[in-house]
Amino acid sequence: MDNRSEIDAEHSHLARLSDLLGMQGHISPPTHHHVLLRQRRFHFLEWGTKGKPPLLFLHGGNQSARTWDATCLALAEHYHCIALDQRGHGESEWAYDGDYSPQSHADDIDALIGHLGWDRFVLVGMSMGGLNGLTFAARQPHQLAGMIAVDVGPFIAMSGGRKISEFVQGNKAHQSLEDFVTAAMKFNPRRKRDLLRHSLTHTVRQMADGSWTWKADRRFDMDYDQMSAYLKDLASAVTAINRPTLVVRGAQSDVMSSEQQSRFVDLLQDGTAAIVQGAGHSIQGDNPMVLVEVIEPFLKSVFTQRK
């Protein structure tokens, strides 16, 4: 796709999102940035205006920063939104040493915040990004104004996580982008096909032989024993988070149950639970409009308290 086609596709995508969100007026596309952090190249998207309350968005595993397009578009008028391609995902560099631990991701977050010059911000993390964000928040709560954990926490259903891993591993390559779209729609029929197609253009790439594969580094399989041990440690660590924390769950999620959400909120010093109807695990893709409606009051409260 040439540059003109990419620009046209971007404007069409944002127009569809604007219609979905019921927005009026001029739509400004995000700006792209590449930065060297901890000797690795990272890519991030910037929405909104510097100087407004800052928000950092972290995507889930095998996703990219573009999963937050609808959310950031809706919030950009009042907030300064940064959506990061985390290491090994999207347009960011792979970790060639294979280090994708939450602790290293948290170090990446710290380096990015230093680069941006942010003082206090709200961290919004979904799934893998939520675990990375919680690791950062537990270690450095003083740098946060608040935290939003989207369908993730120390207590999750491993069976739901395995379904996602099986989908990713079972769809390592397809002959066309449309084959990827069809497979992804079968796995999650809640998504809108045209919006999902655009999102996938940022999470898959075409190979020299014409086939398509994931952009994310898939060289390393999930170690579930290691993950279980990490989650146990995280359950103790999150008690140190002394900032307002919103735990959002998709009503049809098979990764976080209502009981698991409640257990997580009970551990937090200032935790609140919210549920998004019509959504599974990937809330920001399944029902972005309601997700925005859920998190906006929380953001207003957090930044009002800050004053």
Protein backbone atom coordinates (compact mmCIF):
# COMPACT_ATOMS: atom_id res chain seq x y z
CA MET A 1 0.00 0.00 0.00
CA ASP A 2 1.48 3.36 -1.02
CA ASN A 3 1.53 6.43 1.24
CA ARG A 4 -1.54 8.05 -0.34
CA SER A 5 -3.54 4.83 0.05
CA GLU A 6 -2.44 4.54 3.68
CA ILE A 7 -3.60 8.10 4.39
CA ASP A 8 -6.96 7.46 2.70
CA ALA A 9 -7.41 4.21 4.62
CA GLU A 10 -6.59 5.99 7.88
CA HIS A 11 -9.15 8.76 7.26
CA SER A 12 -11.82 6.21 6.29
CA HIS A 13 -11.07 4.22 9.44
CA LEU A 14 -11.32 7.28 11.68
CA ALA A 15 -14.56 8.33 9.99
CA ARG A 16 -16.08 4.92 10.74
CA LEU A 17 -14.95 5.17 14.35
CA SER A 18 -16.38 8.68 14.58
CA ASP A 19 -19.75 7.43 13.36
CA LEU A 20 -19.62 4.53 15.81
CA LEU A 21 -18.92 6.90 18.70
CA GLY A 22 -21.47 9.49 17.55
CA MET A 23 -18.83 12.18 17.32
CA GLN A 24 -19.22 15.48 15.46
CA GLY A 25 -16.69 17.84 13.87
CA HIS A 26 -13.10 17.56 12.72
CA ILE A 27 -11.24 14.30 13.34
CA SER A 28 -7.48 14.60 13.83
CA PRO A 29 -5.41 11.47 13.13
CA PRO A 30 -2.75 10.44 15.64
CA THR A 31 0.91 11.28 15.15
CA HIS A 32 3.49 8.50 15.00
CA HIS A 33 6.68 8.54 17.04
CA HIS A 34 9.73 6.30 17.23
CA VAL A 35 12.05 6.52 20.22
CA LEU A 36 15.04 4.60 21.55
CA LEU A 37 14.40 3.39 25.09
CA ARG A 38 16.77 1.11 26.96
CA GLN A 39 18.65 0.40 23.70
CA ARG A 40 15.48 -0.73 21.89
CA ARG A 41 13.35 1.09 19.36
CA PHE A 42 9.73 1.71 20.35
CA HIS A 43 6.80 3.10 18.39
CA PHE A 44 3.88 4.96 19.93
CA LEU A 45 0.85 6.95 18.81
CA GLU A 46 -0.02 10.36 20.19
CA TRP A 47 -3.60 11.63 20.35
CA GLY A 48 -4.83 14.94 21.75
CA THR A 49 -2.80 17.86 23.03
CA LYS A 50 0.25 18.08 25.25
CA GLY A 51 -0.52 19.77 28.54
CA LYS A 52 -3.88 18.09 28.99
CA PRO A 53 -4.25 15.28 31.55
CA PRO A 54 -1.98 12.42 30.38
CA LEU A 55 -3.11 8.87 29.71
CA LEU A 56 -0.90 5.90 28.74
CA PHE A 57 -2.55 2.96 26.95
CA LEU A 58 -1.05 -0.55 26.88
CA HIS A 59 -2.49 -3.20 24.55
CA GLY A 60 -2.93 -6.94 25.11
CA GLY A 61 -0.76 -9.76 23.84
CA ASN A 62 -0.48 -10.10 20.05
CA GLN A 63 -2.26 -6.74 19.64
CA SER A 64 -0.86 -3.29 18.91
CA ALA A 65 -1.37 0.32 19.92
CA ARG A 66 -4.10 0.55 17.25
CA THR A 67 -6.45 -1.53 19.41
CA TRP A 68 -7.04 1.72 21.35
CA ASP A 69 -8.00 3.86 18.32
CA ALA A 70 -11.67 4.25 19.24
CA THR A 71 -10.94 4.90 22.92
CA CYS A 72 -8.22 7.47 22.21
CA LEU A 73 -10.27 9.16 19.50
CA ALA A 74 -13.15 9.61 21.95
CA LEU A 75 -10.90 10.96 24.72
CA ALA A 76 -8.48 13.08 22.66
CA GLU A 77 -10.42 16.32 23.06
CA HIS A 78 -9.88 16.42 26.80
CA TYR A 79 -6.79 14.24 27.36
CA HIS A 80 -3.27 13.73 26.05
CA CYS A 81 -3.28 10.07 25.01
CA ILE A 82 -0.22 7.93 24.28
CA ALA A 83 -0.74 4.39 22.97
CA LEU A 84 2.45 2.33 23.03
CA ASP A 85 3.44 -0.61 20.85
CA GLN A 86 5.03 -2.70 23.58
CA ARG A 87 8.24 -4.61 22.96
CA GLY A 88 7.84 -7.32 20.34
CA HIS A 89 4.52 -5.92 19.08
CA GLY A 90 3.31 -3.61 16.32
CA GLU A 91 6.09 -1.38 15.00
CA SER A 92 8.30 -1.73 18.07
CA GLU A 93 11.46 -3.79 18.11
CA TRP A 94 11.50 -7.41 19.23
CA ALA A 95 13.30 -8.43 22.40
CA TYR A 96 15.94 -10.58 20.77
CA ASP A 97 16.99 -11.97 24.16
CA GLY A 98 13.43 -13.26 24.59
CA ASP A 99 12.79 -11.15 27.68
CA TYR A 100 9.06 -10.38 27.71
CA SER A 101 8.69 -10.45 31.48
CA PRO A 102 6.27 -8.00 33.11
CA GLN A 103 9.23 -6.57 35.03
CA SER A 104 11.06 -5.64 31.79
CA HIS A 105 7.85 -4.19 30.36
CA ALA A 106 7.53 -2.09 33.53
CA ASP A 107 11.08 -0.83 32.98
CA ASP A 108 10.05 0.14 29.43
CA ILE A 109 7.11 2.10 30.84
CA ASP A 110 9.41 3.90 33.24
CA ALA A 111 11.76 4.82 30.38
CA LEU A 112 8.89 6.09 28.22
CA ILE A 113 7.50 8.23 31.03
CA GLY A 114 10.95 9.73 31.48
CA HIS A 115 11.11 10.47 27.76
CA LEU A 116 7.68 12.12 27.82
CA GLY A 117 8.51 14.13 30.94
CA TRP A 118 5.27 13.12 32.64
CA ASP A 119 4.75 13.63 36.35
CA ARG A 120 1.40 12.01 37.22
CA PHE A 121 -0.66 10.09 34.68
CA VAL A 122 -3.37 7.44 34.40
CA LEU A 123 -2.23 4.09 33.08
CA VAL A 124 -4.80 2.07 31.10
CA GLY A 125 -3.77 -1.53 30.44
CA MET A 126 -5.68 -4.43 28.91
CA SER A 127 -4.76 -8.12 29.42
CA MET A 128 -0.96 -8.40 28.99
CA GLY A 129 -0.70 -4.62 29.06
CA GLY A 130 -2.74 -4.55 32.25
CA LEU A 131 -0.37 -7.00 33.95
CA ASN A 132 2.61 -4.93 32.83
CA GLY A 133 0.86 -1.78 34.06
CA LEU A 134 0.02 -3.33 37.44
CA THR A 135 3.64 -4.40 37.85
CA PHE A 136 4.68 -0.79 37.24
CA ALA A 137 1.93 0.58 39.49
CA ALA A 138 2.82 -1.71 42.39
CA ARG A 139 6.47 -0.69 42.12
CA GLN A 140 6.04 3.04 41.47
CA PRO A 141 2.55 4.13 42.57
CA HIS A 142 3.83 7.65 43.31
CA GLN A 143 4.14 8.28 39.56
CA LEU A 144 0.47 7.56 38.91
CA ALA A 145 -2.69 9.59 39.26
CA GLY A 146 -4.71 6.40 38.75
CA MET A 147 -4.83 3.00 37.08
CA ILE A 148 -7.41 1.28 34.87
CA ALA A 149 -7.05 -2.50 34.53
CA VAL A 150 -9.12 -3.80 31.62
CA ASP A 151 -10.25 -7.42 32.07
CA VAL A 152 -7.14 -8.48 33.95
CA GLY A 153 -5.75 -8.82 37.44
CA PRO A 154 -3.97 -11.26 39.74
CA PHE A 155 -6.92 -13.65 39.50
CA ILE A 156 -7.74 -14.83 36.00
CA ALA A 157 -9.14 -17.97 34.36
CA MET A 158 -6.22 -19.78 32.74
CA SER A 159 -8.66 -21.66 30.51
CA GLY A 160 -9.66 -18.38 28.86
CA GLY A 161 -6.03 -17.42 28.37
CA ARG A 162 -5.30 -20.79 26.80
CA LYS A 163 -8.12 -20.27 24.28
CA ILE A 164 -6.48 -17.04 23.13
CA SER A 165 -3.07 -18.71 22.91
CA GLU A 166 -4.54 -21.60 20.92
CA PHE A 167 -6.15 -19.16 18.49
CA VAL A 168 -2.86 -17.30 17.98
CA GLN A 169 -0.82 -20.47 17.59
CA GLY A 170 -3.43 -22.03 15.33
CA ASN A 171 -3.38 -19.03 12.99
CA LYS A 172 0.33 -18.37 12.56
CA ALA A 173 -0.05 -17.92 8.81
CA HIS A 174 -2.77 -17.37 6.19
CA GLN A 175 -2.68 -16.87 2.45
CA SER A 176 -4.51 -13.53 2.59
CA LEU A 177 -5.45 -10.76 4.98
CA GLU A 178 -9.12 -11.69 4.49
CA ASP A 179 -8.34 -15.22 5.73
CA PHE A 180 -6.99 -13.65 8.93
CA VAL A 181 -10.09 -11.47 9.25
CA THR A 182 -12.38 -14.47 8.80
CA ALA A 183 -10.50 -16.51 11.41
CA ALA A 184 -10.54 -13.62 13.89
CA MET A 185 -14.28 -13.02 13.34
CA LYS A 186 -14.96 -16.70 13.99
CA PHE A 187 -13.00 -16.50 17.22
CA ASN A 188 -14.71 -13.27 18.32
CA PRO A 189 -17.98 -12.58 16.45
CA ARG A 190 -18.66 -9.47 18.58
CA ARG A 191 -16.26 -7.43 16.47
CA LYS A 192 -17.25 -5.26 13.50
CA ARG A 193 -15.58 -6.77 10.46
CA ASP A 194 -14.37 -3.53 8.82
CA LEU A 195 -12.89 -2.20 12.06
CA LEU A 196 -11.29 -5.56 12.81
CA ARG A 197 -9.75 -5.65 9.33
CA HIS A 198 -8.10 -2.27 9.88
CA SER A 199 -6.81 -3.33 13.29
CA LEU A 200 -5.34 -6.51 11.81
CA THR A 201 -3.40 -4.54 9.20
CA HIS A 202 -1.30 -3.35 12.15
CA THR A 203 -0.89 -6.76 13.80
CA VAL A 204 -0.08 -8.93 10.77
CA ARG A 205 2.41 -8.52 7.93
CA GLN A 206 2.86 -9.96 4.45
CA MET A 207 5.82 -12.25 3.82
CA ALA A 208 7.98 -12.45 0.69
CA ASP A 209 6.00 -15.50 -0.53
CA GLY A 210 2.73 -13.55 -0.32
CA SER A 211 1.44 -15.23 2.83
CA TRP A 212 0.54 -13.30 6.00
CA THR A 213 1.72 -13.83 9.57
CA TRP A 214 1.66 -12.09 12.95
CA LYS A 215 3.92 -9.09 13.51
CA ALA A 216 4.36 -9.96 17.18
CA ASP A 217 7.31 -12.06 18.25
CA ARG A 218 5.89 -15.59 18.45
CA ARG A 219 9.17 -17.44 19.06
CA PHE A 220 8.38 -18.17 22.69
CA ASP A 221 5.40 -20.14 24.03
CA MET A 222 3.59 -19.16 27.20
CA ASP A 223 4.96 -20.84 30.35
CA TYR A 224 1.79 -21.30 32.40
CA ASP A 225 3.62 -22.47 35.53
CA GLN A 226 5.73 -19.32 35.41
CA MET A 227 2.59 -17.22 34.82
CA SER A 228 0.83 -18.81 37.81
CA ALA A 229 3.80 -18.00 40.05
CA TYR A 230 3.88 -14.42 38.76
CA LEU A 231 0.15 -13.91 39.40
CA LYS A 232 0.55 -15.20 42.96
CA ASP A 233 3.31 -12.63 43.57
CA LEU A 234 1.22 -9.93 41.88
CA ALA A 235 -1.68 -10.56 44.28
CA SER A 236 0.63 -9.51 47.11
CA ALA A 237 2.24 -6.66 45.19
CA VAL A 238 -0.96 -4.83 44.17
CA THR A 239 -1.77 -4.07 47.81
CA ALA A 240 0.92 -1.37 47.51
CA ILE A 241 -1.08 0.53 44.86
CA ASN A 242 -2.37 3.55 46.77
CA ARG A 243 -3.93 5.33 43.81
CA PRO A 244 -7.55 5.09 42.58
CA THR A 245 -7.83 1.92 40.50
CA LEU A 246 -10.72 0.97 38.23
CA VAL A 247 -11.05 -2.72 37.35
CA VAL A 248 -13.18 -3.12 34.22
CA ARG A 249 -14.55 -6.51 33.21
CA GLY A 250 -16.30 -7.60 30.02
CA ALA A 251 -19.67 -9.11 30.92
CA GLN A 252 -19.01 -12.09 28.61
CA SER A 253 -15.32 -12.44 29.46
CA ASP A 254 -13.95 -15.95 29.83
CA VAL A 255 -10.66 -14.59 31.23
CA MET A 256 -11.97 -12.76 34.33
CA SER A 257 -15.05 -13.84 36.26
CA SER A 258 -17.17 -11.61 38.46
CA GLU A 259 -15.77 -13.35 41.53
CA GLN A 260 -12.17 -12.86 40.35
CA GLN A 261 -12.85 -9.18 39.69
CA SER A 262 -14.26 -8.75 43.21
CA ARG A 263 -11.26 -10.51 44.79
CA PHE A 264 -8.91 -8.16 42.95
CA VAL A 265 -10.83 -5.02 43.95
CA ASP A 266 -10.81 -6.15 47.60
CA LEU A 267 -6.99 -6.21 47.56
CA LEU A 268 -6.71 -2.61 46.38
CA GLN A 269 -6.47 0.39 48.70
CA ASP A 270 -8.84 2.40 46.49
CA GLY A 271 -10.41 -0.02 44.04
CA THR A 272 -13.65 0.16 42.07
CA ALA A 273 -15.29 -2.40 39.79
CA ALA A 274 -17.13 -1.78 36.53
CA ILE A 275 -18.71 -4.08 33.94
CA VAL A 276 -19.10 -3.46 30.21
CA GLN A 277 -22.07 -5.25 28.68
CA GLY A 278 -21.81 -6.66 25.16
CA ALA A 279 -18.10 -7.33 25.54
CA GLY A 280 -15.79 -10.24 26.15
CA HIS A 281 -12.11 -10.03 27.00
CA SER A 282 -11.17 -7.43 24.34
CA ILE A 283 -13.52 -4.76 25.63
CA GLN A 284 -11.91 -1.89 23.70
CA GLY A 285 -12.70 -3.69 20.44
CA ASP A 286 -16.01 -5.32 21.37
CA ASN A 287 -17.78 -2.28 22.84
CA PRO A 288 -15.54 0.82 22.82
CA MET A 289 -18.43 3.28 23.26
CA VAL A 290 -19.51 1.80 26.58
CA LEU A 291 -15.90 1.42 27.72
CA VAL A 292 -15.45 5.17 27.23
CA GLU A 293 -18.69 5.85 29.13
CA VAL A 294 -17.37 3.73 32.01
CA ILE A 295 -13.91 5.24 32.28
CA GLU A 296 -14.73 8.93 31.67
CA PRO A 297 -16.25 9.55 35.14
CA PHE A 298 -13.26 7.81 36.72
CA LEU A 299 -10.81 10.00 34.80
CA LYS A 300 -12.67 13.18 35.72
CA SER A 301 -12.68 12.18 39.38
CA VAL A 302 -8.97 11.28 39.39
CA PHE A 303 -7.82 14.49 37.77
CA THR A 304 -10.19 16.63 39.85
CA GLN A 305 -8.73 15.12 43.03
CA ARG A 306 -5.27 15.85 41.67
CA LYS A 307 -6.06 19.58 41.70
